[in-house]
C-alpha atoms as a PDB file:
ATOM      1  CA  MET A   1     177.396  61.191  -0.244  1.00  0.00           C
ATOM      2  CA  PRO A   2     175.942  58.459  -2.803  1.00  0.00           C
ATOM      3  CA  VAL A   3     174.725  59.810  -6.353  1.00  0.00           C
ATOM      4  CA  TYR A   4     171.336  58.033  -7.718  1.00  0.00           C
ATOM      5  CA  GLN A   5     170.940  57.394 -11.294  1.00  0.00           C
ATOM      6  CA  LEU A   6     166.794  57.344 -11.395  1.00  0.00           C
ATOM      7  CA  SER A   7     164.585  56.735 -14.374  1.00  0.00           C
ATOM      8  CA  ILE A   8     162.052  59.689 -14.242  1.00  0.00           C
ATOM      9  CA  ASN A   9     159.529  60.284 -16.925  1.00  0.00           C
ATOM     10  CA  GLY A  10     161.407  57.569 -19.162  1.00  0.00           C
ATOM     11  CA  GLN A  11     164.954  59.963 -18.955  1.00  0.00           C
ATOM     12  CA  GLN A  12     167.761  59.190 -16.798  1.00  0.00           C
ATOM     13  CA  GLN A  13     168.291  61.918 -14.082  1.00  0.00           C
ATOM     14  CA  THR A  14     171.031  62.181 -11.635  1.00  0.00           C
ATOM     15  CA  ALA A  15     170.559  62.811  -7.556  1.00  0.00           C
ATOM     16  CA  ASP A  16     173.482  63.466  -5.856  1.00  0.00           C
ATOM     17  CA  VAL A  17     171.595  63.006  -1.956  1.00  0.00           C
ATOM     18  CA  ALA A  18     171.482  61.434   1.242  1.00  0.00           C
ATOM     19  CA  ALA A  19     170.254  58.318   0.986  1.00  0.00           C
ATOM     20  CA  ASP A  20     167.389  59.079   3.433  1.00  0.00           C
ATOM     21  CA  THR A  21     166.192  61.748   1.280  1.00  0.00           C
ATOM     22  CA  PRO A  22     162.310  61.411   0.224  1.00  0.00           C
ATOM     23  CA  LEU A  23     161.581  61.182  -3.509  1.00  0.00           C
ATOM     24  CA  LEU A  24     159.401  64.138  -2.893  1.00  0.00           C
ATOM     25  CA  TRP A  25     161.975  66.388  -2.303  1.00  0.00           C
ATOM     26  CA  VAL A  26     164.728  64.646  -4.871  1.00  0.00           C
ATOM     27  CA  LEU A  27     161.860  65.549  -7.574  1.00  0.00           C
ATOM     28  CA  ARG A  28     160.916  68.959  -6.524  1.00  0.00           C
ATOM     29  CA  ASP A  29     164.145  70.464  -4.760  1.00  0.00           C
ATOM     30  CA  HIS A  30     166.781  68.688  -7.412  1.00  0.00           C
ATOM     31  CA  LEU A  31     165.136  68.039 -10.334  1.00  0.00           C
ATOM     32  CA  ARG A  32     162.487  70.990 -10.395  1.00  0.00           C
ATOM     33  CA  LEU A  33     159.708  68.763 -11.167  1.00  0.00           C
ATOM     34  CA  LEU A  34     157.208  70.936  -9.360  1.00  0.00           C
ATOM     35  CA  GLY A  35     153.866  69.104 -10.435  1.00  0.00           C
ATOM     36  CA  THR A  36     154.384  66.853  -7.474  1.00  0.00           C
ATOM     37  CA  LYS A  37     153.185  68.807  -4.521  1.00  0.00           C
ATOM     38  CA  PHE A  38     154.286  68.705  -0.719  1.00  0.00           C
ATOM     39  CA  GLY A  39     151.172  67.992   1.368  1.00  0.00           C
ATOM     40  CA  CYS A  40     151.157  66.490   4.947  1.00  0.00           C
ATOM     41  CA  GLY A  41     154.916  64.804   4.454  1.00  0.00           C
ATOM     42  CA  ILE A  42     153.333  61.574   6.393  1.00  0.00           C
ATOM     43  CA  GLY A  43     151.582  59.937   3.445  1.00  0.00           C
ATOM     44  CA  GLN A  44     148.185  60.891   4.396  1.00  0.00           C
ATOM     45  CA  CYS A  45     147.022  63.377   2.325  1.00  0.00           C
ATOM     46  CA  GLY A  46     148.213  62.135  -1.451  1.00  0.00           C
ATOM     47  CA  ALA A  47     149.182  65.373  -2.826  1.00  0.00           C
ATOM     48  CA  CYS A  48     152.519  63.839  -3.585  1.00  0.00           C
ATOM     49  CA  THR A  49     151.348  60.719  -5.265  1.00  0.00           C
ATOM     50  CA  ILE A  50     153.707  59.499  -7.956  1.00  0.00           C
ATOM     51  CA  HIS A  51     153.715  56.339 -10.102  1.00  0.00           C
ATOM     52  CA  PHE A  52     156.420  53.708  -8.918  1.00  0.00           C
ATOM     53  CA  ASN A  53     156.936  50.953 -11.685  1.00  0.00           C
ATOM     54  CA  GLY A  54     152.893  51.810 -12.460  1.00  0.00           C
ATOM     55  CA  ASN A  55     151.655  51.885  -8.862  1.00  0.00           C
ATOM     56  CA  ALA A  56     150.197  55.198  -6.894  1.00  0.00           C
ATOM     57  CA  VAL A  57     152.941  55.818  -3.995  1.00  0.00           C
ATOM     58  CA  ARG A  58     153.223  58.645  -1.494  1.00  0.00           C
ATOM     59  CA  SER A  59     156.550  60.189  -2.739  1.00  0.00           C
ATOM     60  CA  CYS A  60     157.238  61.783   0.728  1.00  0.00           C
ATOM     61  CA  GLN A  61     157.099  58.477   2.384  1.00  0.00           C
ATOM     62  CA  LEU A  62     159.418  56.796  -0.788  1.00  0.00           C
ATOM     63  CA  GLN A  63     163.568  57.181   0.235  1.00  0.00           C
ATOM     64  CA  VAL A  64     165.491  57.870  -2.621  1.00  0.00           C
ATOM     65  CA  SER A  65     167.663  54.914  -2.043  1.00  0.00           C
ATOM     66  CA  ALA A  66     164.450  52.707  -2.532  1.00  0.00           C
ATOM     67  CA  VAL A  67     163.989  53.625  -5.849  1.00  0.00           C
ATOM     68  CA  LYS A  68     166.950  51.513  -7.460  1.00  0.00           C
ATOM     69  CA  ASN A  69     166.139  50.857 -11.160  1.00  0.00           C
ATOM     70  CA  ALA A  70     162.274  51.743 -10.646  1.00  0.00           C
ATOM     71  CA  ALA A  71     160.429  53.420 -13.265  1.00  0.00           C
ATOM     72  CA  ILE A  72     159.427  56.860 -11.755  1.00  0.00           C
ATOM     73  CA  THR A  73     156.249  58.441 -13.453  1.00  0.00           C
ATOM     74  CA  THR A  74     155.475  62.048 -12.254  1.00  0.00           C
ATOM     75  CA  ILE A  75     152.337  64.306 -13.388  1.00  0.00           C
ATOM     76  CA  GLU A  76     154.935  65.671 -15.878  1.00  0.00           C
ATOM     77  CA  GLY A  77     155.259  62.732 -17.295  1.00  0.00           C
ATOM     78  CA  LEU A  78     151.623  61.489 -17.571  1.00  0.00           C
ATOM     79  CA  SER A  79     151.551  62.530 -21.166  1.00  0.00           C
ATOM     80  CA  GLU A  80     153.349  65.218 -23.518  1.00  0.00           C
ATOM     81  CA  ASN A  81     150.853  67.202 -24.317  1.00  0.00           C
ATOM     82  CA  GLY A  82     148.349  66.912 -21.295  1.00  0.00           C
ATOM     83  CA  ASP A  83     145.976  65.004 -22.992  1.00  0.00           C
ATOM     84  CA  HIS A  84     145.956  62.131 -20.871  1.00  0.00           C
ATOM     85  CA  PRO A  85     141.928  61.104 -20.652  1.00  0.00           C
ATOM     86  CA  LEU A  86     142.090  61.872 -17.203  1.00  0.00           C
ATOM     87  CA  GLN A  87     143.523  65.390 -17.669  1.00  0.00           C
ATOM     88  CA  LEU A  88     141.043  66.220 -20.753  1.00  0.00           C
ATOM     89  CA  ALA A  89     138.443  65.115 -18.073  1.00  0.00           C
ATOM     90  CA  TRP A  90     139.500  67.481 -15.353  1.00  0.00           C
ATOM     91  CA  ASP A  91     138.983  69.778 -17.703  1.00  0.00           C
ATOM     92  CA  GLU A  92     135.856  68.963 -19.365  1.00  0.00           C
ATOM     93  CA  VAL A  93     134.408  68.012 -15.437  1.00  0.00           C
ATOM     94  CA  ASP A  94     135.880  71.577 -14.306  1.00  0.00           C
ATOM     95  CA  VAL A  95     137.316  69.707 -11.320  1.00  0.00           C
ATOM     96  CA  PRO A  96     139.922  72.265 -10.179  1.00  0.00           C
ATOM     97  CA  GLN A  97     139.287  74.928  -7.476  1.00  0.00           C
ATOM     98  CA  CYS A  98     142.562  75.439  -5.586  1.00  0.00           C
ATOM     99  CA  GLY A  99     144.106  73.131  -7.642  1.00  0.00           C
ATOM    100  CA  TYR A 100     146.718  72.127  -4.981  1.00  0.00           C
ATOM    101  CA  CYS A 101     145.723  68.484  -4.784  1.00  0.00           C
ATOM    102  CA  GLN A 102     145.015  67.867  -8.312  1.00  0.00           C
ATOM    103  CA  ALA A 103     148.303  65.895  -9.477  1.00  0.00           C
ATOM    104  CA  GLY A 104     148.163  63.096  -6.885  1.00  0.00           C
ATOM    105  CA  GLN A 105     144.413  63.053  -7.985  1.00  0.00           C
ATOM    106  CA  ILE A 106     145.164  62.500 -11.317  1.00  0.00           C
ATOM    107  CA  MET A 107     147.993  60.527 -10.585  1.00  0.00           C
ATOM    108  CA  THR A 108     146.015  58.081  -8.179  1.00  0.00           C
ATOM    109  CA  ALA A 109     143.207  57.889 -10.790  1.00  0.00           C
ATOM    110  CA  ALA A 110     145.545  57.105 -13.408  1.00  0.00           C
ATOM    111  CA  ALA A 111     147.146  53.821 -12.144  1.00  0.00           C
ATOM    112  CA  LEU A 112     143.551  52.992 -10.894  1.00  0.00           C
ATOM    113  CA  LEU A 113     142.657  53.091 -14.811  1.00  0.00           C
ATOM    114  CA  LYS A 114     145.592  51.100 -15.855  1.00  0.00           C
ATOM    115  CA  ARG A 115     144.912  48.483 -13.784  1.00  0.00           C
ATOM    116  CA  ASN A 116     141.117  48.594 -14.525  1.00  0.00           C
ATOM    117  CA  GLY A 117     140.057  50.306 -17.341  1.00  0.00           C
ATOM    118  CA  SER A 118     136.390  49.975 -16.367  1.00  0.00           C
ATOM    119  CA  PRO A 119     136.210  50.753 -13.186  1.00  0.00           C
ATOM    120  CA  THR A 120     132.812  50.965 -10.911  1.00  0.00           C
ATOM    121  CA  MET A 121     131.758  54.099  -9.139  1.00  0.00           C
ATOM    122  CA  GLU A 122     132.690  51.980  -6.068  1.00  0.00           C
ATOM    123  CA  GLN A 123     135.703  51.023  -7.038  1.00  0.00           C
ATOM    124  CA  ILE A 124     136.642  54.823  -7.891  1.00  0.00           C
ATOM    125  CA  GLU A 125     135.823  55.935  -4.460  1.00  0.00           C
ATOM    126  CA  ASN A 126     137.619  53.056  -2.717  1.00  0.00           C
ATOM    127  CA  THR A 127     140.715  54.355  -4.867  1.00  0.00           C
ATOM    128  CA  MET A 128     140.495  57.739  -4.601  1.00  0.00           C
ATOM    129  CA  HIS A 129     139.268  57.677  -0.617  1.00  0.00           C
ATOM    130  CA  GLY A 130     143.120  58.178   0.361  1.00  0.00           C
ATOM    131  CA  ASN A 131     143.595  61.639  -1.444  1.00  0.00           C
ATOM    132  CA  ILE A 132     142.427  64.813   0.394  1.00  0.00           C
ATOM    133  CA  CYS A 133     140.760  67.585  -1.380  1.00  0.00           C
ATOM    134  CA  ARG A 134     140.547  70.527   1.073  1.00  0.00           C
ATOM    135  CA  CYS A 135     137.935  72.494  -1.288  1.00  0.00           C
ATOM    136  CA  GLY A 136     135.831  69.512  -1.316  1.00  0.00           C
ATOM    137  CA  ALA A 137     135.681  68.755  -4.966  1.00  0.00           C
ATOM    138  CA  TYR A 138     135.549  65.027  -4.633  1.00  0.00           C
ATOM    139  CA  HIS A 139     131.826  64.688  -6.754  1.00  0.00           C
ATOM    140  CA  ARG A 140     133.432  66.367  -9.770  1.00  0.00           C
ATOM    141  CA  ILE A 141     136.810  64.062  -8.908  1.00  0.00           C
ATOM    142  CA  LYS A 142     134.804  60.923  -9.239  1.00  0.00           C
ATOM    143  CA  GLU A 143     132.636  62.487 -11.898  1.00  0.00           C
ATOM    144  CA  ALA A 144     135.783  63.016 -13.922  1.00  0.00           C
ATOM    145  CA  VAL A 145     137.344  59.649 -13.235  1.00  0.00           C
ATOM    146  CA  LEU A 146     134.388  57.589 -14.610  1.00  0.00           C
ATOM    147  CA  GLN A 147     134.280  59.886 -17.399  1.00  0.00           C
ATOM    148  CA  ALA A 148     137.881  59.100 -18.725  1.00  0.00           C
ATOM    149  CA  SER A 149     137.491  55.677 -17.787  1.00  0.00           C
ATOM    150  CA  LYS A 150     134.711  55.844 -20.780  1.00  0.00           C
ATOM    151  CA  LYS A 151     137.537  57.609 -23.181  1.00  0.00           C
ATOM    152  CA  SER A 152     140.669  55.128 -22.382  1.00  0.00           C
END
């Protein structure tokens, strides 16, 4: 089995896994980074969203062999103290209900704000459209993203 050298949250990590192992399972099962969640396994719900060289991607669909030298950021690496503007806005707006989708929602929104620090509500809606919240907190999610954009 190959050994992969990965850059996760700014640190070098090693994973001894099969080449076709989804990055989601490397993160959760091998590196014990449990913030990234399994939702659907087919890249449709967004619960497993991470940053791949700054872009929001679904880790359940990304094989570890495709990562190579990419910089991977998980929710644990978004900020050292949980003080990213989105994390603060999530608290202020009281977004979470069950909380299961929140890491994926935040990682998707963070990639948007990195590309566009002042998105319109339409841009927020278009970006967040692929992330499912079974509790239906969509209004508060969009409100928190907009609020965070004003603090970034």
